[in-house]
Amino acid sequence: VEFLRDELGIRNVGSAINKHPQLLTYSLDEHLRPKVAWLQSVGISDAALVVARHPALLSRSVANLASKLDVVLNEAGRSISEVETFPQVLTYSVDFLRRRFRFLAACGLGDKYSLGRICRSPDFLFAHKLAKRTLPEYEQWTPAESPEEDALPERVDLSLRSTTAVEKHMRLRAAAVAADEARVAAVERTRESIRQFLEAPAEPDAVQLKA
């Protein structure tokens, strides 16, 4: 605790320990100090903030973290500041990261989205929302020998395949959201009509009664 608070400089040590209680079991000289030193050596400007955001990083070996960082910086061309913002990127597998980055690059969208959105999106949303492709196209795509040789994913004729349960769920959800938006719009139109009616000036009496 003293290392995390006084030497590393984490302000809320309790929060970091709640996120990753195993911090209290790591050897100071064999695990904590070497990994923090590595983070600082690769250009992380605020190692305390990175560890506080995702303390589970310290459960990985330096070699494991370095392999992920190499994909992010050298293959995907992202910056170290993006890693500081989303340090969780270093906990995904090399194959997962490489496949996602290269698929987006093949679609011409390599640098459009944040690391968090690229990594956290389920396969269905990643394919449809980010890559603008279908889930089968993403699932069937295979990276080439090198990024320069990656080809655009082949279009899949959805009429020739059955709809998956996930796709059915997403379509039903989209329809439900559209229906909700339509109901909200109808309510707003009704409220506006009522407001205009109430604010309209009263018409004078058509007939004046004589005394």
N, C-alpha and C. Protein backbone atom coordinates (compact mmCIF):
# COMPACT_ATOMS: atom_id res chain seq x y z
N VAL A 1 0.83 -1.20 0.00
CA VAL A 1 0.00 0.00 0.00
C VAL A 1 0.88 1.26 0.00
N GLU A 2 1.92 1.24 0.78
CA GLU A 2 2.81 2.41 0.82
C GLU A 2 3.46 2.66 -0.53
N PHE A 3 3.84 1.59 -1.23
CA PHE A 3 4.43 1.77 -2.57
C PHE A 3 3.42 2.41 -3.51
N LEU A 4 2.20 1.92 -3.52
CA LEU A 4 1.18 2.44 -4.42
C LEU A 4 0.85 3.90 -4.11
N ARG A 5 0.80 4.21 -2.83
CA ARG A 5 0.41 5.56 -2.43
C ARG A 5 1.57 6.55 -2.46
N ASP A 6 2.70 6.18 -1.84
CA ASP A 6 3.80 7.14 -1.67
C ASP A 6 4.81 7.12 -2.81
N GLU A 7 5.17 5.94 -3.28
CA GLU A 7 6.20 5.85 -4.32
C GLU A 7 5.61 6.03 -5.71
N LEU A 8 4.51 5.32 -5.98
CA LEU A 8 3.88 5.45 -7.30
C LEU A 8 3.03 6.70 -7.39
N GLY A 9 2.32 7.02 -6.32
CA GLY A 9 1.54 8.26 -6.29
C GLY A 9 0.07 8.12 -6.61
N ILE A 10 -0.48 6.94 -6.39
CA ILE A 10 -1.92 6.76 -6.61
C ILE A 10 -2.68 7.45 -5.49
N ARG A 11 -3.59 8.32 -5.83
CA ARG A 11 -4.30 9.09 -4.81
C ARG A 11 -5.31 8.23 -4.05
N ASN A 12 -6.09 7.45 -4.78
CA ASN A 12 -7.12 6.63 -4.14
C ASN A 12 -6.70 5.17 -4.22
N VAL A 13 -5.83 4.77 -3.31
CA VAL A 13 -5.31 3.40 -3.32
C VAL A 13 -6.43 2.41 -3.05
N GLY A 14 -7.39 2.78 -2.20
CA GLY A 14 -8.49 1.89 -1.87
C GLY A 14 -9.29 1.49 -3.09
N SER A 15 -9.53 2.44 -3.98
CA SER A 15 -10.28 2.16 -5.20
C SER A 15 -9.52 1.18 -6.09
N ALA A 16 -8.20 1.37 -6.20
CA ALA A 16 -7.38 0.47 -7.02
C ALA A 16 -7.40 -0.95 -6.46
N ILE A 17 -7.34 -1.06 -5.14
CA ILE A 17 -7.35 -2.38 -4.50
C ILE A 17 -8.72 -3.04 -4.67
N ASN A 18 -9.78 -2.25 -4.61
CA ASN A 18 -11.13 -2.81 -4.82
C ASN A 18 -11.27 -3.36 -6.24
N LYS A 19 -10.66 -2.67 -7.21
CA LYS A 19 -10.72 -3.15 -8.59
C LYS A 19 -9.91 -4.42 -8.78
N HIS A 20 -8.80 -4.50 -8.08
CA HIS A 20 -7.90 -5.66 -8.27
C HIS A 20 -7.25 -6.00 -6.93
N PRO A 21 -7.95 -6.73 -6.07
CA PRO A 21 -7.43 -7.04 -4.72
C PRO A 21 -6.09 -7.78 -4.73
N GLN A 22 -5.79 -8.47 -5.84
CA GLN A 22 -4.53 -9.21 -5.92
C GLN A 22 -3.31 -8.30 -5.83
N LEU A 23 -3.51 -6.99 -5.94
CA LEU A 23 -2.39 -6.06 -5.80
C LEU A 23 -1.65 -6.29 -4.49
N LEU A 24 -2.39 -6.63 -3.46
CA LEU A 24 -1.79 -6.80 -2.14
C LEU A 24 -0.94 -8.06 -2.03
N THR A 25 -1.04 -8.94 -3.03
CA THR A 25 -0.29 -10.20 -2.97
C THR A 25 0.96 -10.17 -3.83
N TYR A 26 1.16 -9.13 -4.63
CA TYR A 26 2.29 -9.10 -5.55
C TYR A 26 3.57 -8.70 -4.84
N SER A 27 4.66 -9.32 -5.26
CA SER A 27 5.97 -8.99 -4.71
C SER A 27 6.37 -7.58 -5.16
N LEU A 28 6.89 -6.82 -4.23
CA LEU A 28 7.25 -5.44 -4.54
C LEU A 28 8.39 -5.36 -5.55
N ASP A 29 9.45 -6.15 -5.34
CA ASP A 29 10.63 -6.07 -6.19
C ASP A 29 10.55 -6.95 -7.43
N GLU A 30 9.75 -8.02 -7.39
CA GLU A 30 9.66 -8.92 -8.53
C GLU A 30 8.53 -8.57 -9.48
N HIS A 31 7.50 -7.89 -8.97
CA HIS A 31 6.34 -7.60 -9.80
C HIS A 31 6.05 -6.10 -9.94
N LEU A 32 5.79 -5.45 -8.85
CA LEU A 32 5.30 -4.08 -8.92
C LEU A 32 6.31 -3.10 -9.50
N ARG A 33 7.49 -3.02 -8.89
CA ARG A 33 8.48 -2.04 -9.36
C ARG A 33 8.91 -2.27 -10.81
N PRO A 34 9.22 -3.51 -11.20
CA PRO A 34 9.64 -3.72 -12.60
C PRO A 34 8.57 -3.34 -13.62
N LYS A 35 7.32 -3.63 -13.31
CA LYS A 35 6.25 -3.33 -14.28
C LYS A 35 5.96 -1.84 -14.36
N VAL A 36 6.00 -1.18 -13.21
CA VAL A 36 5.83 0.27 -13.23
C VAL A 36 6.99 0.93 -13.97
N ALA A 37 8.20 0.44 -13.75
CA ALA A 37 9.36 0.98 -14.46
C ALA A 37 9.22 0.77 -15.96
N TRP A 38 8.68 -0.38 -16.37
CA TRP A 38 8.48 -0.63 -17.80
C TRP A 38 7.47 0.34 -18.38
N LEU A 39 6.36 0.56 -17.68
CA LEU A 39 5.35 1.52 -18.15
C LEU A 39 5.97 2.89 -18.39
N GLN A 40 6.80 3.30 -17.46
CA GLN A 40 7.44 4.62 -17.59
C GLN A 40 8.44 4.63 -18.73
N SER A 41 9.12 3.49 -18.96
CA SER A 41 10.15 3.43 -19.99
C SER A 41 9.58 3.49 -21.41
N VAL A 42 8.33 3.08 -21.60
CA VAL A 42 7.74 3.08 -22.95
C VAL A 42 7.03 4.39 -23.27
N GLY A 43 7.09 5.34 -22.33
CA GLY A 43 6.53 6.65 -22.62
C GLY A 43 5.26 7.00 -21.88
N ILE A 44 4.81 6.13 -20.97
CA ILE A 44 3.63 6.46 -20.16
C ILE A 44 3.99 7.62 -19.24
N SER A 45 3.33 8.74 -19.40
CA SER A 45 3.69 9.94 -18.63
C SER A 45 3.19 9.91 -17.20
N ASP A 46 2.10 9.19 -16.96
CA ASP A 46 1.52 9.12 -15.62
C ASP A 46 1.19 7.68 -15.29
N ALA A 47 2.18 6.93 -14.84
CA ALA A 47 1.98 5.52 -14.54
C ALA A 47 0.97 5.33 -13.42
N ALA A 48 0.94 6.27 -12.48
CA ALA A 48 -0.01 6.17 -11.37
C ALA A 48 -1.44 6.20 -11.88
N LEU A 49 -1.72 7.08 -12.83
CA LEU A 49 -3.07 7.19 -13.37
C LEU A 49 -3.45 5.94 -14.16
N VAL A 50 -2.50 5.40 -14.93
CA VAL A 50 -2.75 4.20 -15.72
C VAL A 50 -3.05 3.01 -14.81
N VAL A 51 -2.24 2.84 -13.77
CA VAL A 51 -2.45 1.73 -12.83
C VAL A 51 -3.76 1.92 -12.07
N ALA A 52 -4.08 3.15 -11.70
CA ALA A 52 -5.34 3.41 -10.99
C ALA A 52 -6.54 3.09 -11.87
N ARG A 53 -6.43 3.38 -13.17
CA ARG A 53 -7.54 3.11 -14.08
C ARG A 53 -7.73 1.61 -14.28
N HIS A 54 -6.62 0.88 -14.39
CA HIS A 54 -6.74 -0.56 -14.64
C HIS A 54 -5.59 -1.29 -13.93
N PRO A 55 -5.69 -1.48 -12.63
CA PRO A 55 -4.61 -2.11 -11.87
C PRO A 55 -4.31 -3.54 -12.27
N ALA A 56 -5.25 -4.21 -12.96
CA ALA A 56 -5.01 -5.59 -13.39
C ALA A 56 -3.85 -5.67 -14.39
N LEU A 57 -3.41 -4.53 -14.94
CA LEU A 57 -2.25 -4.53 -15.81
C LEU A 57 -1.04 -5.16 -15.11
N LEU A 58 -0.94 -4.93 -13.81
CA LEU A 58 0.22 -5.41 -13.07
C LEU A 58 0.20 -6.91 -12.87
N SER A 59 -0.86 -7.58 -13.30
CA SER A 59 -0.91 -9.04 -13.21
C SER A 59 -0.25 -9.68 -14.42
N ARG A 60 -0.03 -8.90 -15.49
CA ARG A 60 0.61 -9.42 -16.70
C ARG A 60 2.12 -9.29 -16.61
N SER A 61 2.80 -10.15 -17.35
CA SER A 61 4.26 -10.05 -17.41
C SER A 61 4.65 -8.90 -18.33
N VAL A 62 5.87 -8.41 -18.18
CA VAL A 62 6.35 -7.33 -19.04
C VAL A 62 6.36 -7.79 -20.50
N ALA A 63 6.75 -9.03 -20.74
CA ALA A 63 6.76 -9.55 -22.11
C ALA A 63 5.36 -9.57 -22.71
N ASN A 64 4.37 -9.94 -21.90
CA ASN A 64 2.99 -9.98 -22.37
C ASN A 64 2.50 -8.58 -22.71
N LEU A 65 2.76 -7.62 -21.83
CA LEU A 65 2.34 -6.25 -22.07
C LEU A 65 3.04 -5.67 -23.29
N ALA A 66 4.32 -5.97 -23.44
CA ALA A 66 5.10 -5.43 -24.56
C ALA A 66 4.57 -5.93 -25.90
N SER A 67 4.15 -7.19 -25.95
CA SER A 67 3.64 -7.74 -27.22
C SER A 67 2.36 -7.03 -27.63
N LYS A 68 1.50 -6.72 -26.69
CA LYS A 68 0.25 -6.00 -26.99
C LYS A 68 0.55 -4.56 -27.40
N LEU A 69 1.48 -3.93 -26.68
CA LEU A 69 1.81 -2.55 -26.99
C LEU A 69 2.42 -2.43 -28.38
N ASP A 70 3.19 -3.43 -28.78
CA ASP A 70 3.78 -3.42 -30.12
C ASP A 70 2.71 -3.43 -31.20
N VAL A 71 1.66 -4.21 -31.00
CA VAL A 71 0.55 -4.25 -31.97
C VAL A 71 -0.15 -2.90 -32.03
N VAL A 72 -0.41 -2.33 -30.86
CA VAL A 72 -1.16 -1.07 -30.80
C VAL A 72 -0.37 0.08 -31.43
N LEU A 73 0.92 0.18 -31.09
CA LEU A 73 1.71 1.32 -31.55
C LEU A 73 2.26 1.12 -32.96
N ASN A 74 2.85 -0.03 -33.21
CA ASN A 74 3.58 -0.24 -34.46
C ASN A 74 2.73 -0.81 -35.60
N GLU A 75 1.78 -1.68 -35.26
CA GLU A 75 0.94 -2.24 -36.32
C GLU A 75 -0.30 -1.39 -36.59
N ALA A 76 -0.93 -0.93 -35.51
CA ALA A 76 -2.16 -0.13 -35.68
C ALA A 76 -1.86 1.35 -35.80
N GLY A 77 -0.65 1.77 -35.42
CA GLY A 77 -0.28 3.18 -35.56
C GLY A 77 -0.96 4.10 -34.57
N ARG A 78 -1.37 3.55 -33.42
CA ARG A 78 -2.00 4.40 -32.41
C ARG A 78 -0.94 5.01 -31.52
N SER A 79 -1.34 5.97 -30.68
CA SER A 79 -0.38 6.71 -29.86
C SER A 79 -0.35 6.20 -28.42
N ILE A 80 0.73 6.53 -27.74
CA ILE A 80 0.87 6.12 -26.34
C ILE A 80 -0.17 6.84 -25.47
N SER A 81 -0.58 8.04 -25.88
CA SER A 81 -1.60 8.76 -25.10
C SER A 81 -2.94 8.04 -25.15
N GLU A 82 -3.23 7.36 -26.26
CA GLU A 82 -4.46 6.58 -26.35
C GLU A 82 -4.41 5.39 -25.41
N VAL A 83 -3.23 4.81 -25.26
CA VAL A 83 -3.06 3.70 -24.32
C VAL A 83 -3.26 4.19 -22.89
N GLU A 84 -2.79 5.39 -22.60
CA GLU A 84 -2.98 5.96 -21.26
C GLU A 84 -4.47 6.17 -20.97
N THR A 85 -5.22 6.55 -21.99
CA THR A 85 -6.66 6.76 -21.83
C THR A 85 -7.41 5.45 -21.64
N PHE A 86 -6.96 4.41 -22.37
CA PHE A 86 -7.62 3.10 -22.29
C PHE A 86 -6.56 2.02 -22.09
N PRO A 87 -5.98 1.93 -20.89
CA PRO A 87 -4.93 0.94 -20.64
C PRO A 87 -5.41 -0.50 -20.73
N GLN A 88 -6.73 -0.71 -20.65
CA GLN A 88 -7.28 -2.07 -20.78
C GLN A 88 -6.91 -2.72 -22.10
N VAL A 89 -6.53 -1.91 -23.09
CA VAL A 89 -6.17 -2.47 -24.40
C VAL A 89 -5.03 -3.48 -24.27
N LEU A 90 -4.20 -3.32 -23.25
CA LEU A 90 -3.06 -4.21 -23.07
C LEU A 90 -3.43 -5.54 -22.42
N THR A 91 -4.71 -5.72 -22.13
CA THR A 91 -5.14 -6.99 -21.52
C THR A 91 -5.85 -7.90 -22.54
N TYR A 92 -6.10 -7.40 -23.74
CA TYR A 92 -6.69 -8.24 -24.79
C TYR A 92 -5.58 -9.04 -25.48
N SER A 93 -5.95 -10.14 -26.10
CA SER A 93 -4.94 -10.99 -26.74
C SER A 93 -4.39 -10.31 -27.99
N VAL A 94 -3.18 -10.69 -28.36
CA VAL A 94 -2.55 -10.16 -29.56
C VAL A 94 -3.40 -10.48 -30.80
N ASP A 95 -3.90 -11.70 -30.88
CA ASP A 95 -4.71 -12.10 -32.04
C ASP A 95 -5.98 -11.26 -32.14
N PHE A 96 -6.63 -11.02 -31.00
CA PHE A 96 -7.86 -10.21 -30.98
C PHE A 96 -7.56 -8.80 -31.48
N LEU A 97 -6.53 -8.18 -30.94
CA LEU A 97 -6.19 -6.81 -31.31
C LEU A 97 -5.80 -6.72 -32.79
N ARG A 98 -4.96 -7.63 -33.22
CA ARG A 98 -4.48 -7.60 -34.60
C ARG A 98 -5.65 -7.77 -35.58
N ARG A 99 -6.54 -8.70 -35.27
CA ARG A 99 -7.66 -8.94 -36.18
C ARG A 99 -8.58 -7.73 -36.25
N ARG A 100 -8.88 -7.11 -35.14
CA ARG A 100 -9.78 -5.95 -35.15
C ARG A 100 -9.16 -4.75 -35.86
N PHE A 101 -7.92 -4.46 -35.53
CA PHE A 101 -7.26 -3.31 -36.15
C PHE A 101 -7.12 -3.51 -37.66
N ARG A 102 -6.74 -4.69 -38.07
CA ARG A 102 -6.49 -4.92 -39.49
C ARG A 102 -7.80 -5.02 -40.28
N PHE A 103 -8.85 -5.51 -39.66
CA PHE A 103 -10.14 -5.54 -40.36
C PHE A 103 -10.63 -4.12 -40.61
N LEU A 104 -10.53 -3.26 -39.60
CA LEU A 104 -10.94 -1.87 -39.79
C LEU A 104 -10.07 -1.19 -40.86
N ALA A 105 -8.76 -1.48 -40.83
CA ALA A 105 -7.86 -0.88 -41.82
C ALA A 105 -8.22 -1.34 -43.22
N ALA A 106 -8.57 -2.60 -43.37
CA ALA A 106 -8.96 -3.13 -44.68
C ALA A 106 -10.23 -2.47 -45.18
N CYS A 107 -11.07 -2.03 -44.26
CA CYS A 107 -12.32 -1.35 -44.61
C CYS A 107 -12.13 0.16 -44.76
N GLY A 108 -10.89 0.63 -44.58
CA GLY A 108 -10.60 2.05 -44.71
C GLY A 108 -10.98 2.86 -43.49
N LEU A 109 -11.09 2.20 -42.34
CA LEU A 109 -11.54 2.88 -41.11
C LEU A 109 -10.56 2.65 -39.96
N GLY A 110 -9.29 2.50 -40.28
CA GLY A 110 -8.31 2.11 -39.29
C GLY A 110 -8.14 3.05 -38.12
N ASP A 111 -8.28 4.34 -38.33
CA ASP A 111 -8.01 5.29 -37.24
C ASP A 111 -9.24 6.12 -36.87
N LYS A 112 -10.40 5.61 -37.16
CA LYS A 112 -11.62 6.40 -36.94
C LYS A 112 -12.15 6.31 -35.52
N TYR A 113 -11.92 5.18 -34.83
CA TYR A 113 -12.56 4.95 -33.54
C TYR A 113 -11.54 4.86 -32.41
N SER A 114 -12.01 5.10 -31.20
CA SER A 114 -11.14 5.02 -30.03
C SER A 114 -10.80 3.57 -29.73
N LEU A 115 -9.73 3.37 -28.98
CA LEU A 115 -9.33 2.02 -28.60
C LEU A 115 -10.42 1.34 -27.78
N GLY A 116 -11.04 2.09 -26.90
CA GLY A 116 -12.09 1.52 -26.06
C GLY A 116 -13.25 0.99 -26.88
N ARG A 117 -13.67 1.77 -27.88
CA ARG A 117 -14.80 1.34 -28.69
C ARG A 117 -14.43 0.14 -29.56
N ILE A 118 -13.23 0.13 -30.07
CA ILE A 118 -12.79 -0.99 -30.91
C ILE A 118 -12.75 -2.29 -30.11
N CYS A 119 -12.24 -2.22 -28.90
CA CYS A 119 -12.05 -3.44 -28.10
C CYS A 119 -13.32 -3.90 -27.39
N ARG A 120 -14.11 -2.97 -26.92
CA ARG A 120 -15.25 -3.34 -26.09
C ARG A 120 -16.48 -3.76 -26.89
N SER A 121 -16.58 -3.36 -28.13
CA SER A 121 -17.77 -3.67 -28.92
C SER A 121 -17.87 -5.16 -29.18
N PRO A 122 -19.03 -5.77 -28.92
CA PRO A 122 -19.23 -7.17 -29.30
C PRO A 122 -19.06 -7.34 -30.81
N ASP A 123 -18.79 -8.57 -31.25
CA ASP A 123 -18.52 -8.81 -32.67
C ASP A 123 -19.61 -8.24 -33.58
N PHE A 124 -20.87 -8.43 -33.20
CA PHE A 124 -21.98 -7.97 -34.05
C PHE A 124 -21.94 -6.45 -34.22
N LEU A 125 -21.78 -5.72 -33.12
CA LEU A 125 -21.75 -4.26 -33.20
C LEU A 125 -20.47 -3.77 -33.84
N PHE A 126 -19.38 -4.46 -33.58
CA PHE A 126 -18.11 -4.08 -34.20
C PHE A 126 -18.23 -4.14 -35.72
N ALA A 127 -18.80 -5.24 -36.22
CA ALA A 127 -18.93 -5.41 -37.66
C ALA A 127 -19.90 -4.39 -38.26
N HIS A 128 -21.09 -4.25 -37.65
CA HIS A 128 -22.14 -3.42 -38.24
C HIS A 128 -21.90 -1.93 -38.02
N LYS A 129 -21.61 -1.54 -36.80
CA LYS A 129 -21.52 -0.12 -36.47
C LYS A 129 -20.17 0.49 -36.79
N LEU A 130 -19.10 -0.25 -36.55
CA LEU A 130 -17.78 0.32 -36.75
C LEU A 130 -17.24 0.05 -38.16
N ALA A 131 -17.22 -1.21 -38.55
CA ALA A 131 -16.64 -1.56 -39.85
C ALA A 131 -17.61 -1.39 -41.01
N LYS A 132 -18.91 -1.19 -40.70
CA LYS A 132 -19.94 -1.04 -41.74
C LYS A 132 -20.05 -2.29 -42.60
N ARG A 133 -19.86 -3.43 -41.98
CA ARG A 133 -19.95 -4.72 -42.66
C ARG A 133 -20.90 -5.63 -41.87
N THR A 134 -21.15 -6.81 -42.38
CA THR A 134 -22.01 -7.75 -41.68
C THR A 134 -21.16 -8.64 -40.77
N LEU A 135 -21.82 -9.26 -39.82
CA LEU A 135 -21.11 -10.17 -38.92
C LEU A 135 -20.48 -11.33 -39.68
N PRO A 136 -21.17 -11.98 -40.64
CA PRO A 136 -20.53 -13.06 -41.40
C PRO A 136 -19.29 -12.62 -42.15
N GLU A 137 -19.29 -11.39 -42.67
CA GLU A 137 -18.12 -10.89 -43.38
C GLU A 137 -16.92 -10.77 -42.44
N TYR A 138 -17.19 -10.32 -41.22
CA TYR A 138 -16.11 -10.22 -40.23
C TYR A 138 -15.64 -11.60 -39.80
N GLU A 139 -16.57 -12.51 -39.59
CA GLU A 139 -16.22 -13.84 -39.13
C GLU A 139 -15.43 -14.63 -40.18
N GLN A 140 -15.74 -14.39 -41.45
CA GLN A 140 -15.11 -15.16 -42.52
C GLN A 140 -13.81 -14.53 -43.04
N TRP A 141 -13.55 -13.30 -42.62
CA TRP A 141 -12.36 -12.61 -43.11
C TRP A 141 -11.10 -13.17 -42.47
N THR A 142 -10.07 -13.34 -43.27
CA THR A 142 -8.79 -13.85 -42.78
C THR A 142 -7.67 -12.87 -43.13
N PRO A 143 -6.87 -12.44 -42.15
CA PRO A 143 -5.76 -11.53 -42.45
C PRO A 143 -4.75 -12.18 -43.38
N ALA A 144 -4.10 -11.37 -44.18
CA ALA A 144 -3.07 -11.87 -45.09
C ALA A 144 -1.74 -12.01 -44.34
N GLU A 145 -0.69 -12.34 -45.08
CA GLU A 145 0.63 -12.49 -44.48
C GLU A 145 1.10 -11.20 -43.82
N SER A 146 0.79 -10.08 -44.45
CA SER A 146 1.18 -8.77 -43.91
C SER A 146 0.02 -7.80 -44.08
N PRO A 147 -0.01 -6.73 -43.27
CA PRO A 147 -1.11 -5.75 -43.37
C PRO A 147 -1.24 -5.15 -44.78
N GLU A 148 -0.12 -4.99 -45.48
CA GLU A 148 -0.16 -4.40 -46.81
C GLU A 148 -0.92 -5.28 -47.81
N GLU A 149 -1.01 -6.58 -47.51
CA GLU A 149 -1.66 -7.51 -48.42
C GLU A 149 -3.12 -7.79 -48.04
N ASP A 150 -3.58 -7.21 -46.94
CA ASP A 150 -4.97 -7.45 -46.52
C ASP A 150 -5.93 -6.96 -47.59
N ALA A 151 -6.89 -7.80 -47.93
CA ALA A 151 -7.89 -7.46 -48.93
C ALA A 151 -9.20 -7.07 -48.25
N LEU A 152 -10.02 -6.33 -48.97
CA LEU A 152 -11.33 -5.97 -48.44
C LEU A 152 -12.14 -7.23 -48.20
N PRO A 153 -12.91 -7.26 -47.12
CA PRO A 153 -13.75 -8.43 -46.85
C PRO A 153 -14.75 -8.64 -47.97
N GLU A 154 -14.97 -9.88 -48.35
CA GLU A 154 -15.95 -10.19 -49.38
C GLU A 154 -17.36 -9.98 -48.84
N ARG A 155 -18.20 -9.42 -49.69
CA ARG A 155 -19.59 -9.23 -49.30
C ARG A 155 -20.30 -10.57 -49.22
N VAL A 156 -21.13 -10.71 -48.18
CA VAL A 156 -21.88 -11.96 -47.98
C VAL A 156 -23.34 -11.71 -48.30
N ASP A 157 -23.91 -12.56 -49.16
CA ASP A 157 -25.32 -12.45 -49.52
C ASP A 157 -26.15 -13.04 -48.37
N LEU A 158 -26.76 -12.15 -47.58
CA LEU A 158 -27.51 -12.59 -46.41
C LEU A 158 -28.76 -13.38 -46.78
N SER A 159 -29.20 -13.28 -48.03
CA SER A 159 -30.39 -14.02 -48.44
C SER A 159 -30.11 -15.51 -48.54
N LEU A 160 -28.81 -15.87 -48.56
CA LEU A 160 -28.45 -17.27 -48.72
C LEU A 160 -28.16 -17.96 -47.38
N ARG A 161 -28.35 -17.24 -46.29
CA ARG A 161 -28.06 -17.84 -45.00
C ARG A 161 -29.18 -17.50 -44.03
N SER A 162 -29.31 -18.31 -43.00
CA SER A 162 -30.33 -18.07 -41.99
C SER A 162 -29.88 -16.99 -41.03
N THR A 163 -30.84 -16.31 -40.43
CA THR A 163 -30.54 -15.25 -39.48
C THR A 163 -30.17 -15.85 -38.13
N THR A 164 -29.09 -15.36 -37.55
CA THR A 164 -28.66 -15.87 -36.26
C THR A 164 -29.51 -15.27 -35.15
N ALA A 165 -29.42 -15.87 -33.97
CA ALA A 165 -30.19 -15.39 -32.83
C ALA A 165 -29.77 -13.98 -32.45
N VAL A 166 -28.48 -13.70 -32.55
CA VAL A 166 -27.98 -12.37 -32.20
C VAL A 166 -28.54 -11.33 -33.16
N GLU A 167 -28.53 -11.65 -34.45
CA GLU A 167 -29.05 -10.71 -35.44
C GLU A 167 -30.54 -10.47 -35.24
N LYS A 168 -31.28 -11.53 -34.93
CA LYS A 168 -32.71 -11.36 -34.66
C LYS A 168 -32.93 -10.44 -33.48
N HIS A 169 -32.14 -10.66 -32.43
CA HIS A 169 -32.26 -9.82 -31.23
C HIS A 169 -31.97 -8.36 -31.55
N MET A 170 -30.90 -8.11 -32.32
CA MET A 170 -30.53 -6.74 -32.63
C MET A 170 -31.59 -6.07 -33.51
N ARG A 171 -32.17 -6.83 -34.43
CA ARG A 171 -33.21 -6.26 -35.29
C ARG A 171 -34.47 -5.94 -34.49
N LEU A 172 -34.83 -6.84 -33.58
CA LEU A 172 -36.00 -6.58 -32.73
C LEU A 172 -35.76 -5.38 -31.83
N ARG A 173 -34.54 -5.27 -31.32
CA ARG A 173 -34.23 -4.14 -30.46
C ARG A 173 -34.28 -2.84 -31.25
N ALA A 174 -33.75 -2.85 -32.48
CA ALA A 174 -33.78 -1.65 -33.31
C ALA A 174 -35.22 -1.24 -33.61
N ALA A 175 -36.07 -2.23 -33.87
CA ALA A 175 -37.48 -1.94 -34.14
C ALA A 175 -38.16 -1.36 -32.90
N ALA A 176 -37.82 -1.89 -31.72
CA ALA A 176 -38.40 -1.40 -30.48
C ALA A 176 -37.97 0.04 -30.21
N VAL A 177 -36.70 0.34 -30.45
CA VAL A 177 -36.20 1.70 -30.26
C VAL A 177 -36.90 2.66 -31.21
N ALA A 178 -37.09 2.24 -32.46
CA ALA A 178 -37.77 3.09 -33.44
C ALA A 178 -39.21 3.35 -33.02
N ALA A 179 -39.88 2.31 -32.49
CA ALA A 179 -41.26 2.46 -32.03
C ALA A 179 -41.33 3.42 -30.85
N ASP A 180 -40.38 3.32 -29.93
CA ASP A 180 -40.34 4.23 -28.78
C ASP A 180 -40.14 5.67 -29.23
N GLU A 181 -39.24 5.86 -30.18
CA GLU A 181 -38.99 7.21 -30.69
C GLU A 181 -40.24 7.77 -31.36
N ALA A 182 -40.97 6.93 -32.07
CA ALA A 182 -42.20 7.38 -32.72
C ALA A 182 -43.25 7.78 -31.69
N ARG A 183 -43.35 7.00 -30.60
CA ARG A 183 -44.31 7.34 -29.54
C ARG A 183 -43.94 8.66 -28.86
N VAL A 184 -42.67 8.86 -28.60
CA VAL A 184 -42.23 10.10 -27.98
C VAL A 184 -42.54 11.29 -28.88
N ALA A 185 -42.29 11.13 -30.18
CA ALA A 185 -42.58 12.20 -31.13
C ALA A 185 -44.07 12.52 -31.17
N ALA A 186 -44.91 11.48 -31.11
CA ALA A 186 -46.36 11.69 -31.12
C ALA A 186 -46.82 12.44 -29.88
N VAL A 187 -46.26 12.08 -28.73
CA VAL A 187 -46.60 12.75 -27.48
C VAL A 187 -46.20 14.22 -27.54
N GLU A 188 -45.01 14.49 -28.09
CA GLU A 188 -44.55 15.87 -28.19
C GLU A 188 -45.44 16.69 -29.12
N ARG A 189 -45.90 16.08 -30.20
CA ARG A 189 -46.80 16.79 -31.11
C ARG A 189 -48.12 17.12 -30.42
N THR A 190 -48.63 16.17 -29.63
CA THR A 190 -49.88 16.39 -28.91
C THR A 190 -49.72 17.51 -27.89
N ARG A 191 -48.61 17.49 -27.16
CA ARG A 191 -48.35 18.55 -26.17
C ARG A 191 -48.26 19.91 -26.84
N GLU A 192 -47.62 19.97 -27.99
CA GLU A 192 -47.49 21.24 -28.70
C GLU A 192 -48.86 21.75 -29.17
N SER A 193 -49.70 20.84 -29.63
CA SER A 193 -51.05 21.25 -30.06
C SER A 193 -51.84 21.79 -28.89
N ILE A 194 -51.75 21.14 -27.73
CA ILE A 194 -52.46 21.60 -26.54
C ILE A 194 -51.93 22.96 -26.10
N ARG A 195 -50.61 23.12 -26.13
CA ARG A 195 -50.02 24.40 -25.72
C ARG A 195 -50.48 25.53 -26.62
N GLN A 196 -50.51 25.29 -27.94
CA GLN A 196 -50.95 26.32 -28.87
C GLN A 196 -52.43 26.66 -28.65
N PHE A 197 -53.23 25.65 -28.33
CA PHE A 197 -54.66 25.89 -28.09
C PHE A 197 -54.86 26.76 -26.85
N LEU A 198 -54.10 26.44 -25.78
CA LEU A 198 -54.25 27.20 -24.53
C LEU A 198 -53.72 28.62 -24.65
N GLU A 199 -52.71 28.82 -25.49
CA GLU A 199 -52.12 30.15 -25.61
C GLU A 199 -52.84 31.01 -26.64
N ALA A 200 -53.76 30.44 -27.41
CA ALA A 200 -54.48 31.22 -28.43
C ALA A 200 -55.40 32.23 -27.74
N PRO A 201 -55.49 33.48 -28.26
CA PRO A 201 -56.37 34.50 -27.64
C PRO A 201 -57.84 34.10 -27.76
N ALA A 202 -58.60 34.43 -26.74
CA ALA A 202 -60.03 34.11 -26.75
C ALA A 202 -60.75 34.98 -27.76
N GLU A 203 -61.73 34.40 -28.49
CA GLU A 203 -62.49 35.15 -29.48
C GLU A 203 -63.57 35.97 -28.78
N PRO A 204 -63.82 37.21 -29.26
CA PRO A 204 -64.87 38.03 -28.64
C PRO A 204 -66.25 37.44 -28.88
N ASP A 205 -67.19 37.77 -27.99
CA ASP A 205 -68.56 37.26 -28.16
C ASP A 205 -69.14 37.75 -29.48
N ALA A 206 -69.75 36.85 -30.20
CA ALA A 206 -70.33 37.21 -31.49
C ALA A 206 -71.55 38.11 -31.34
N VAL A 207 -72.24 37.96 -30.24
CA VAL A 207 -73.48 38.73 -30.03
C VAL A 207 -73.37 39.54 -28.76
N GLN A 208 -73.61 40.84 -28.86
CA GLN A 208 -73.62 41.70 -27.67
C GLN A 208 -75.05 41.85 -27.20
N LEU A 209 -75.29 41.48 -25.97
CA LEU A 209 -76.64 41.59 -25.41
C LEU A 209 -76.91 43.06 -25.02
N LYS A 210 -78.08 43.54 -25.42
CA LYS A 210 -78.47 44.91 -25.05
C LYS A 210 -79.25 44.89 -23.75
N ALA A 211 -79.02 45.95 -22.99
CA ALA A 211 -79.72 46.05 -21.73
C ALA A 211 -81.19 46.30 -22.00
